[in-house]
Structures are given as structure tokens and as C-alpha cells.
Amino acid sequence: VSFPGVSGHKLLEAVALDLAASTGSACHSGDHAVSGVLGAMKV
């Protein structure tokens, strides 16, 4: 899901003590660029 008006990375950083999740593939976890999958979906 996309949270309006915020960065997914910043959101997960803010909840790090309560939640472990990711913005996309673990193979790109260090890359804060827009997901290639979502780009291919024309999001």
C-alpha cells in the first residue's frame, strides 16, 4: 500500500521499534529509488 504524502522509507524508520517491514524486495533494501515493479506498473 502507498501512504499518501509521506516516504515509505521514512515511515518504516519511524515505526522501527514496533514493526519490521520493507518498501519492496529485500534484494534492493539499501536502494531508496522508486521500485522497478511499481515503475513497470506505471504507478
PDB file of all heavy atoms in Angstrom:
ATOM      1  N   VAL A   1       0.840  -1.201   0.000  1.00  0.00           N
ATOM      2  CA  VAL A   1       0.000   0.000   0.000  1.00  0.00           C
ATOM      3  C   VAL A   1       0.875   1.251   0.000  1.00  0.00           C
ATOM      4  O   VAL A   1       1.988   1.254   0.522  1.00  0.00           O
ATOM      5  CB  VAL A   1      -0.947   0.041   1.225  1.00  0.00           C
ATOM      6  CG1 VAL A   1      -2.085  -0.941   1.059  1.00  0.00           C
ATOM      7  CG2 VAL A   1      -0.197  -0.212   2.521  1.00  0.00           C
ATOM      8  N   SER A   2       0.335   2.299  -0.598  1.00  0.00           N
ATOM      9  CA  SER A   2       1.021   3.592  -0.619  1.00  0.00           C
ATOM     10  C   SER A   2       0.357   4.537   0.365  1.00  0.00           C
ATOM     11  O   SER A   2      -0.854   4.764   0.319  1.00  0.00           O
ATOM     12  CB  SER A   2       0.971   4.190  -2.028  1.00  0.00           C
ATOM     13  OG  SER A   2       1.804   3.460  -2.912  1.00  0.00           O
ATOM     14  N   PHE A   3       1.169   5.085   1.256  1.00  0.00           N
ATOM     15  CA  PHE A   3       0.709   6.054   2.250  1.00  0.00           C
ATOM     16  C   PHE A   3       0.846   7.452   1.651  1.00  0.00           C
ATOM     17  O   PHE A   3       1.952   7.851   1.260  1.00  0.00           O
ATOM     18  CB  PHE A   3       1.545   5.942   3.527  1.00  0.00           C
ATOM     19  CG  PHE A   3       1.313   4.676   4.296  1.00  0.00           C
ATOM     20  CD1 PHE A   3       1.891   3.478   3.891  1.00  0.00           C
ATOM     21  CD2 PHE A   3       0.510   4.675   5.429  1.00  0.00           C
ATOM     22  CE1 PHE A   3       1.684   2.307   4.599  1.00  0.00           C
ATOM     23  CE2 PHE A   3       0.297   3.508   6.147  1.00  0.00           C
ATOM     24  CZ  PHE A   3       0.873   2.317   5.730  1.00  0.00           C
ATOM     25  N   PRO A   4      -0.243   8.195   1.533  1.00  0.00           N
ATOM     26  CA  PRO A   4      -0.197   9.487   0.847  1.00  0.00           C
ATOM     27  C   PRO A   4       0.635  10.531   1.592  1.00  0.00           C
ATOM     28  O   PRO A   4       0.564  10.651   2.816  1.00  0.00           O
ATOM     29  CB  PRO A   4      -1.673   9.910   0.781  1.00  0.00           C
ATOM     30  CG  PRO A   4      -2.322   9.180   1.917  1.00  0.00           C
ATOM     31  CD  PRO A   4      -1.597   7.876   2.031  1.00  0.00           C
ATOM     32  N   GLY A   5       1.440  11.254   0.819  1.00  0.00           N
ATOM     33  CA  GLY A   5       2.141  12.407   1.360  1.00  0.00           C
ATOM     34  C   GLY A   5       3.363  12.123   2.198  1.00  0.00           C
ATOM     35  O   GLY A   5       3.922  13.047   2.803  1.00  0.00           O
ATOM     36  N   VAL A   6       3.802  10.852   2.275  1.00  0.00           N
ATOM     37  CA  VAL A   6       4.999  10.530   3.058  1.00  0.00           C
ATOM     38  C   VAL A   6       5.884   9.567   2.273  1.00  0.00           C
ATOM     39  O   VAL A   6       5.454   8.959   1.286  1.00  0.00           O
ATOM     40  CB  VAL A   6       4.654   9.888   4.426  1.00  0.00           C
ATOM     41  CG1 VAL A   6       3.747  10.797   5.243  1.00  0.00           C
ATOM     42  CG2 VAL A   6       4.005   8.516   4.241  1.00  0.00           C
ATOM     43  N   SER A   7       7.107   9.429   2.732  1.00  0.00           N
ATOM     44  CA  SER A   7       8.025   8.442   2.166  1.00  0.00           C
ATOM     45  C   SER A   7       7.861   7.126   2.897  1.00  0.00           C
ATOM     46  O   SER A   7       7.836   7.083   4.131  1.00  0.00           O
ATOM     47  CB  SER A   7       9.467   8.935   2.308  1.00  0.00           C
ATOM     48  OG  SER A   7      10.388   7.868   2.258  1.00  0.00           O
ATOM     49  N   GLY A   8       7.759   6.033   2.138  1.00  0.00           N
ATOM     50  CA  GLY A   8       7.655   4.716   2.755  1.00  0.00           C
ATOM     51  C   GLY A   8       8.864   4.405   3.628  1.00  0.00           C
ATOM     52  O   GLY A   8       8.735   3.817   4.713  1.00  0.00           O
ATOM     53  N   HIS A   9      10.055   4.807   3.162  1.00  0.00           N
ATOM     54  CA  HIS A   9      11.272   4.580   3.952  1.00  0.00           C
ATOM     55  C   HIS A   9      11.220   5.332   5.273  1.00  0.00           C
ATOM     56  O   HIS A   9      11.543   4.775   6.332  1.00  0.00           O
ATOM     57  CB  HIS A   9      12.503   5.013   3.154  1.00  0.00           C
ATOM     58  CG  HIS A   9      12.833   4.118   2.007  1.00  0.00           C
ATOM     59  ND1 HIS A   9      13.430   2.878   2.187  1.00  0.00           N
ATOM     60  CD2 HIS A   9      12.652   4.259   0.676  1.00  0.00           C
ATOM     61  CE1 HIS A   9      13.602   2.305   1.013  1.00  0.00           C
ATOM     62  NE2 HIS A   9      13.139   3.111   0.080  1.00  0.00           N
ATOM     63  N   LYS A  10      10.807   6.584   5.233  1.00  0.00           N
ATOM     64  CA  LYS A  10      10.719   7.386   6.457  1.00  0.00           C
ATOM     65  C   LYS A  10       9.676   6.813   7.406  1.00  0.00           C
ATOM     66  O   LYS A  10       9.853   6.816   8.631  1.00  0.00           O
ATOM     67  CB  LYS A  10      10.366   8.839   6.106  1.00  0.00           C
ATOM     68  CG  LYS A  10      11.449   9.584   5.341  1.00  0.00           C
ATOM     69  CD  LYS A  10      12.685   9.817   6.181  1.00  0.00           C
ATOM     70  CE  LYS A  10      13.709  10.655   5.437  1.00  0.00           C
ATOM     71  NZ  LYS A  10      14.967  10.805   6.234  1.00  0.00           N
ATOM     72  N   LEU A  11       8.582   6.337   6.847  1.00  0.00           N
ATOM     73  CA  LEU A  11       7.522   5.760   7.668  1.00  0.00           C
ATOM     74  C   LEU A  11       8.034   4.527   8.417  1.00  0.00           C
ATOM     75  O   LEU A  11       7.806   4.372   9.623  1.00  0.00           O
ATOM     76  CB  LEU A  11       6.324   5.401   6.794  1.00  0.00           C
ATOM     77  CG  LEU A  11       5.094   4.827   7.506  1.00  0.00           C
ATOM     78  CD1 LEU A  11       4.483   5.874   8.438  1.00  0.00           C
ATOM     79  CD2 LEU A  11       4.065   4.356   6.491  1.00  0.00           C
ATOM     80  N   LEU A  12       8.747   3.655   7.713  1.00  0.00           N
ATOM     81  CA  LEU A  12       9.258   2.448   8.356  1.00  0.00           C
ATOM     82  C   LEU A  12      10.353   2.763   9.376  1.00  0.00           C
ATOM     83  O   LEU A  12      10.480   2.078  10.392  1.00  0.00           O
ATOM     84  CB  LEU A  12       9.771   1.469   7.300  1.00  0.00           C
ATOM     85  CG  LEU A  12       8.698   0.851   6.402  1.00  0.00           C
ATOM     86  CD1 LEU A  12       9.314  -0.112   5.403  1.00  0.00           C
ATOM     87  CD2 LEU A  12       7.632   0.130   7.234  1.00  0.00           C
ATOM     88  N   GLU A  13      11.118   3.786   9.104  1.00  0.00           N
ATOM     89  CA  GLU A  13      12.111   4.226  10.095  1.00  0.00           C
ATOM     90  C   GLU A  13      11.410   4.703  11.372  1.00  0.00           C
ATOM     91  O   GLU A  13      11.879   4.445  12.488  1.00  0.00           O
ATOM     92  CB  GLU A  13      12.970   5.351   9.519  1.00  0.00           C
ATOM     93  CG  GLU A  13      13.977   4.892   8.477  1.00  0.00           C
ATOM     94  CD  GLU A  13      14.728   6.060   7.857  1.00  0.00           C
ATOM     95  OE1 GLU A  13      14.495   7.218   8.263  1.00  0.00           O
ATOM     96  OE2 GLU A  13      15.556   5.814   6.954  1.00  0.00           O
ATOM     97  N   ALA A  14      10.293   5.383  11.199  1.00  0.00           N
ATOM     98  CA  ALA A  14       9.566   5.935  12.344  1.00  0.00           C
ATOM     99  C   ALA A  14       8.931   4.850  13.215  1.00  0.00           C
ATOM    100  O   ALA A  14       8.715   5.060  14.413  1.00  0.00           O
ATOM    101  CB  ALA A  14       8.493   6.910  11.854  1.00  0.00           C
ATOM    102  N   VAL A  15       8.621   3.692  12.623  1.00  0.00           N
ATOM    103  CA  VAL A  15       7.953   2.620  13.381  1.00  0.00           C
ATOM    104  C   VAL A  15       8.899   1.460  13.686  1.00  0.00           C
ATOM    105  O   VAL A  15       8.458   0.374  14.068  1.00  0.00           O
ATOM    106  CB  VAL A  15       6.710   2.086  12.614  1.00  0.00           C
ATOM    107  CG1 VAL A  15       5.691   3.187  12.416  1.00  0.00           C
ATOM    108  CG2 VAL A  15       7.104   1.457  11.279  1.00  0.00           C
ATOM    109  N   ALA A  16      10.199   1.662  13.531  1.00  0.00           N
ATOM    110  CA  ALA A  16      11.172   0.573  13.624  1.00  0.00           C
ATOM    111  C   ALA A  16      11.134  -0.176  14.957  1.00  0.00           C
ATOM    112  O   ALA A  16      11.460  -1.368  15.007  1.00  0.00           O
ATOM    113  CB  ALA A  16      12.580   1.107  13.370  1.00  0.00           C
ATOM    114  N   LEU A  17      10.743   0.488  16.036  1.00  0.00           N
ATOM    115  CA  LEU A  17      10.678  -0.191  17.333  1.00  0.00           C
ATOM    116  C   LEU A  17       9.460  -1.096  17.454  1.00  0.00           C
ATOM    117  O   LEU A  17       9.424  -1.988  18.308  1.00  0.00           O
ATOM    118  CB  LEU A  17      10.673   0.839  18.466  1.00  0.00           C
ATOM    119  CG  LEU A  17      11.957   1.664  18.636  1.00  0.00           C
ATOM    120  CD1 LEU A  17      11.789   2.658  19.779  1.00  0.00           C
ATOM    121  CD2 LEU A  17      13.162   0.753  18.888  1.00  0.00           C
ATOM    122  N   ASP A  18       8.472  -0.862  16.608  1.00  0.00           N
ATOM    123  CA  ASP A  18       7.227  -1.640  16.684  1.00  0.00           C
ATOM    124  C   ASP A  18       7.024  -2.595  15.508  1.00  0.00           C
ATOM    125  O   ASP A  18       6.260  -3.552  15.626  1.00  0.00           O
ATOM    126  CB  ASP A  18       6.023  -0.688  16.733  1.00  0.00           C
ATOM    127  CG  ASP A  18       5.913   0.031  18.056  1.00  0.00           C
ATOM    128  OD1 ASP A  18       5.739  -0.651  19.081  1.00  0.00           O
ATOM    129  OD2 ASP A  18       6.026   1.270  18.067  1.00  0.00           O
ATOM    130  N   LEU A  19       7.689  -2.327  14.396  1.00  0.00           N
ATOM    131  CA  LEU A  19       7.375  -3.062  13.171  1.00  0.00           C
ATOM    132  C   LEU A  19       8.608  -3.248  12.291  1.00  0.00           C
ATOM    133  O   LEU A  19       9.368  -2.303  12.064  1.00  0.00           O
ATOM    134  CB  LEU A  19       6.296  -2.311  12.380  1.00  0.00           C
ATOM    135  CG  LEU A  19       5.968  -2.791  10.984  1.00  0.00           C
ATOM    136  CD1 LEU A  19       5.367  -4.190  11.018  1.00  0.00           C
ATOM    137  CD2 LEU A  19       5.009  -1.815  10.291  1.00  0.00           C
ATOM    138  N   ALA A  20       8.787  -4.460  11.786  1.00  0.00           N
ATOM    139  CA  ALA A  20       9.830  -4.757  10.815  1.00  0.00           C
ATOM    140  C   ALA A  20       9.160  -5.123   9.489  1.00  0.00           C
ATOM    141  O   ALA A  20       8.484  -6.155   9.390  1.00  0.00           O
ATOM    142  CB  ALA A  20      10.706  -5.912  11.293  1.00  0.00           C
ATOM    143  N   ALA A  21       9.302  -4.260   8.511  1.00  0.00           N
ATOM    144  CA  ALA A  21       8.728  -4.489   7.178  1.00  0.00           C
ATOM    145  C   ALA A  21       9.665  -3.856   6.165  1.00  0.00           C
ATOM    146  O   ALA A  21      10.780  -3.444   6.505  1.00  0.00           O
ATOM    147  CB  ALA A  21       7.326  -3.904   7.081  1.00  0.00           C
ATOM    148  N   SER A  22       9.261  -3.779   4.922  1.00  0.00           N
ATOM    149  CA  SER A  22      10.132  -3.232   3.887  1.00  0.00           C
ATOM    150  C   SER A  22       9.311  -2.450   2.875  1.00  0.00           C
ATOM    151  O   SER A  22       8.082  -2.523   2.857  1.00  0.00           O
ATOM    152  CB  SER A  22      10.904  -4.349   3.178  1.00  0.00           C
ATOM    153  OG  SER A  22      10.019  -5.173   2.443  1.00  0.00           O
ATOM    154  N   THR A  23       9.994  -1.718   2.030  1.00  0.00           N
ATOM    155  CA  THR A  23       9.297  -0.992   0.967  1.00  0.00           C
ATOM    156  C   THR A  23       9.201  -1.816  -0.305  1.00  0.00           C
ATOM    157  O   THR A  23       8.455  -1.472  -1.218  1.00  0.00           O
ATOM    158  CB  THR A  23      10.005   0.330   0.648  1.00  0.00           C
ATOM    159  OG1 THR A  23      11.367   0.057   0.300  1.00  0.00           O
ATOM    160  CG2 THR A  23       9.965   1.268   1.839  1.00  0.00           C
ATOM    161  N   GLY A  24       9.973  -2.886  -0.387  1.00  0.00           N
ATOM    162  CA  GLY A  24       9.949  -3.715  -1.592  1.00  0.00           C
ATOM    163  C   GLY A  24      10.839  -4.918  -1.424  1.00  0.00           C
ATOM    164  O   GLY A  24      11.003  -5.444  -0.316  1.00  0.00           O
ATOM    165  N   SER A  25      11.447  -5.355  -2.508  1.00  0.00           N
ATOM    166  CA  SER A  25      12.292  -6.543  -2.487  1.00  0.00           C
ATOM    167  C   SER A  25      13.473  -6.372  -1.549  1.00  0.00           C
ATOM    168  O   SER A  25      14.119  -5.329  -1.518  1.00  0.00           O
ATOM    169  CB  SER A  25      12.807  -6.832  -3.900  1.00  0.00           C
ATOM    170  OG  SER A  25      13.784  -7.861  -3.878  1.00  0.00           O
ATOM    171  N   ALA A  26      13.784  -7.428  -0.790  1.00  0.00           N
ATOM    172  CA  ALA A  26      14.944  -7.389   0.103  1.00  0.00           C
ATOM    173  C   ALA A  26      16.238  -7.241  -0.678  1.00  0.00           C
ATOM    174  O   ALA A  26      17.238  -6.768  -0.146  1.00  0.00           O
ATOM    175  CB  ALA A  26      14.989  -8.662   0.953  1.00  0.00           C
ATOM    176  N   CYS A  27      16.223  -7.635  -1.948  1.00  0.00           N
ATOM    177  CA  CYS A  27      17.421  -7.515  -2.773  1.00  0.00           C
ATOM    178  C   CYS A  27      17.749  -6.067  -3.105  1.00  0.00           C
ATOM    179  O   CYS A  27      18.813  -5.767  -3.632  1.00  0.00           O
ATOM    180  CB  CYS A  27      17.245  -8.309  -4.064  1.00  0.00           C
ATOM    181  SG  CYS A  27      17.147 -10.079  -3.775  1.00  0.00           S
ATOM    182  N   HIS A  28      16.816  -5.144  -2.833  1.00  0.00           N
ATOM    183  CA  HIS A  28      17.045  -3.720  -3.088  1.00  0.00           C
ATOM    184  C   HIS A  28      16.878  -2.899  -1.817  1.00  0.00           C
ATOM    185  O   HIS A  28      16.634  -1.701  -1.875  1.00  0.00           O
ATOM    186  CB  HIS A  28      16.049  -3.197  -4.133  1.00  0.00           C
ATOM    187  CG  HIS A  28      16.133  -3.916  -5.437  1.00  0.00           C
ATOM    188  ND1 HIS A  28      17.251  -3.905  -6.227  1.00  0.00           N
ATOM    189  CD2 HIS A  28      15.229  -4.689  -6.095  1.00  0.00           C
ATOM    190  CE1 HIS A  28      17.033  -4.621  -7.330  1.00  0.00           C
ATOM    191  NE2 HIS A  28      15.818  -5.110  -7.257  1.00  0.00           N
ATOM    192  N   SER A  29      17.016  -3.561  -0.638  1.00  0.00           N
ATOM    193  CA  SER A  29      16.686  -2.881   0.610  1.00  0.00           C
ATOM    194  C   SER A  29      17.556  -1.665   0.884  1.00  0.00           C
ATOM    195  O   SER A  29      17.146  -0.748   1.587  1.00  0.00           O
ATOM    196  CB  SER A  29      16.796  -3.860   1.784  1.00  0.00           C
ATOM    197  OG  SER A  29      18.125  -4.351   1.888  1.00  0.00           O
ATOM    198  N   GLY A  30      18.765  -1.630   0.335  1.00  0.00           N
ATOM    199  CA  GLY A  30      19.625  -0.485   0.554  1.00  0.00           C
ATOM    200  C   GLY A  30      19.459   0.608  -0.476  1.00  0.00           C
ATOM    201  O   GLY A  30      20.126   1.641  -0.429  1.00  0.00           O
ATOM    202  N   ASP A  31      18.567   0.382  -1.425  1.00  0.00           N
ATOM    203  CA  ASP A  31      18.361   1.324  -2.523  1.00  0.00           C
ATOM    204  C   ASP A  31      17.037   2.042  -2.324  1.00  0.00           C
ATOM    205  O   ASP A  31      15.976   1.432  -2.356  1.00  0.00           O
ATOM    206  CB  ASP A  31      18.349   0.545  -3.858  1.00  0.00           C
ATOM    207  CG  ASP A  31      18.188   1.444  -5.062  1.00  0.00           C
ATOM    208  OD1 ASP A  31      18.121   2.677  -4.875  1.00  0.00           O
ATOM    209  OD2 ASP A  31      18.142   0.915  -6.178  1.00  0.00           O
ATOM    210  N   HIS A  32      17.078   3.364  -2.123  1.00  0.00           N
ATOM    211  CA  HIS A  32      15.857   4.122  -1.846  1.00  0.00           C
ATOM    212  C   HIS A  32      15.194   4.650  -3.120  1.00  0.00           C
ATOM    213  O   HIS A  32      14.317   5.498  -3.053  1.00  0.00           O
ATOM    214  CB  HIS A  32      16.168   5.283  -0.899  1.00  0.00           C
ATOM    215  CG  HIS A  32      16.420   4.794   0.501  1.00  0.00           C
ATOM    216  ND1 HIS A  32      16.362   5.632   1.595  1.00  0.00           N
ATOM    217  CD2 HIS A  32      16.729   3.563   0.985  1.00  0.00           C
ATOM    218  CE1 HIS A  32      16.633   4.931   2.699  1.00  0.00           C
ATOM    219  NE2 HIS A  32      16.860   3.681   2.346  1.00  0.00           N
ATOM    220  N   ALA A  33      15.615   4.141  -4.271  1.00  0.00           N
ATOM    221  CA  ALA A  33      14.975   4.550  -5.519  1.00  0.00           C
ATOM    222  C   ALA A  33      13.571   3.954  -5.589  1.00  0.00           C
ATOM    223  O   ALA A  33      13.231   3.010  -4.877  1.00  0.00           O
ATOM    224  CB  ALA A  33      15.799   4.083  -6.711  1.00  0.00           C
ATOM    225  N   VAL A  34      12.754   4.523  -6.459  1.00  0.00           N
ATOM    226  CA  VAL A  34      11.392   4.016  -6.653  1.00  0.00           C
ATOM    227  C   VAL A  34      11.458   2.574  -7.150  1.00  0.00           C
ATOM    228  O   VAL A  34      12.287   2.222  -7.983  1.00  0.00           O
ATOM    229  CB  VAL A  34      10.640   4.913  -7.657  1.00  0.00           C
ATOM    230  CG1 VAL A  34       9.325   4.269  -8.068  1.00  0.00           C
ATOM    231  CG2 VAL A  34      10.382   6.282  -7.042  1.00  0.00           C
ATOM    232  N   SER A  35      10.584   1.732  -6.619  1.00  0.00           N
ATOM    233  CA  SER A  35      10.537   0.324  -7.001  1.00  0.00           C
ATOM    234  C   SER A  35      10.390   0.156  -8.506  1.00  0.00           C
ATOM    235  O   SER A  35       9.527   0.779  -9.131  1.00  0.00           O
ATOM    236  CB  SER A  35       9.353  -0.349  -6.295  1.00  0.00           C
ATOM    237  OG  SER A  35       8.977  -1.531  -6.948  1.00  0.00           O
ATOM    238  N   GLY A  36      11.222  -0.709  -9.082  1.00  0.00           N
ATOM    239  CA  GLY A  36      11.114  -1.007 -10.504  1.00  0.00           C
ATOM    240  C   GLY A  36       9.812  -1.692 -10.847  1.00  0.00           C
ATOM    241  O   GLY A  36       9.274  -1.514 -11.937  1.00  0.00           O
ATOM    242  N   VAL A  37       9.283  -2.476  -9.896  1.00  0.00           N
ATOM    243  CA  VAL A  37       7.997  -3.145 -10.114  1.00  0.00           C
ATOM    244  C   VAL A  37       6.890  -2.109 -10.225  1.00  0.00           C
ATOM    245  O   VAL A  37       6.075  -2.143 -11.157  1.00  0.00           O
ATOM    246  CB  VAL A  37       7.706  -4.141  -8.979  1.00  0.00           C
ATOM    247  CG1 VAL A  37       6.273  -4.674  -9.085  1.00  0.00           C
ATOM    248  CG2 VAL A  37       8.693  -5.291  -9.007  1.00  0.00           C
ATOM    249  N   LEU A  38       6.848  -1.155  -9.296  1.00  0.00           N
ATOM    250  CA  LEU A  38       5.814  -0.116  -9.346  1.00  0.00           C
ATOM    251  C   LEU A  38       6.007   0.775 -10.571  1.00  0.00           C
ATOM    252  O   LEU A  38       5.031   1.239 -11.167  1.00  0.00           O
ATOM    253  CB  LEU A  38       5.835   0.717  -8.069  1.00  0.00           C
ATOM    254  CG  LEU A  38       5.509  -0.037  -6.780  1.00  0.00           C
ATOM    255  CD1 LEU A  38       5.514   0.908  -5.587  1.00  0.00           C
ATOM    256  CD2 LEU A  38       4.160  -0.747  -6.888  1.00  0.00           C
ATOM    257  N   GLY A  39       7.253   1.015 -10.950  1.00  0.00           N
ATOM    258  CA  GLY A  39       7.521   1.774 -12.172  1.00  0.00           C
ATOM    259  C   GLY A  39       6.969   1.073 -13.390  1.00  0.00           C
ATOM    260  O   GLY A  39       6.359   1.707 -14.263  1.00  0.00           O
ATOM    261  N   ALA A  40       7.158  -0.247 -13.463  1.00  0.00           N
ATOM    262  CA  ALA A  40       6.642  -1.025 -14.591  1.00  0.00           C
ATOM    263  C   ALA A  40       5.116  -1.018 -14.611  1.00  0.00           C
ATOM    264  O   ALA A  40       4.499  -1.149 -15.679  1.00  0.00           O
ATOM    265  CB  ALA A  40       7.152  -2.463 -14.512  1.00  0.00           C
ATOM    266  N   MET A  41       4.498  -0.855 -13.445  1.00  0.00           N
ATOM    267  CA  MET A  41       3.036  -0.789 -13.343  1.00  0.00           C
ATOM    268  C   MET A  41       2.501   0.620 -13.620  1.00  0.00           C
ATOM    269  O   MET A  41       1.297   0.846 -13.525  1.00  0.00           O
ATOM    270  CB  MET A  41       2.603  -1.245 -11.950  1.00  0.00           C
ATOM    271  CG  MET A  41       2.829  -2.721 -11.680  1.00  0.00           C
ATOM    272  SD  MET A  41       2.708  -3.171  -9.913  1.00  0.00           S
ATOM    273  CE  MET A  41       1.064  -2.583  -9.503  1.00  0.00           C
ATOM    274  N   LYS A  42       3.405   1.530 -13.939  1.00  0.00           N
ATOM    275  CA  LYS A  42       3.046   2.925 -14.250  1.00  0.00           C
ATOM    276  C   LYS A  42       2.419   3.654 -13.051  1.00  0.00           C
ATOM    277  O   LYS A  42       1.572   4.538 -13.207  1.00  0.00           O
ATOM    278  CB  LYS A  42       2.085   2.986 -15.445  1.00  0.00           C
ATOM    279  CG  LYS A  42       2.640   2.350 -16.727  1.00  0.00           C
ATOM    280  CD  LYS A  42       3.836   3.097 -17.259  1.00  0.00           C
ATOM    281  CE  LYS A  42       4.229   2.641 -18.666  1.00  0.00           C
ATOM    282  NZ  LYS A  42       4.699   1.244 -18.719  1.00  0.00           N
ATOM    283  N   VAL A  43       2.849   3.261 -11.852  1.00  0.00           N
ATOM    284  CA  VAL A  43       2.410   3.959 -10.648  1.00  0.00           C
ATOM    285  C   VAL A  43       3.111   5.318 -10.604  1.00  0.00           C
ATOM    286  O   VAL A  43       4.293   5.423 -10.921  1.00  0.00           O
ATOM    287  CB  VAL A  43       2.753   3.125  -9.391  1.00  0.00           C
ATOM    288  CG1 VAL A  43       2.554   3.928  -8.122  1.00  0.00           C
ATOM    289  CG2 VAL A  43       1.907   1.859  -9.360  1.00  0.00           C
TER     290      VAL A  43
END
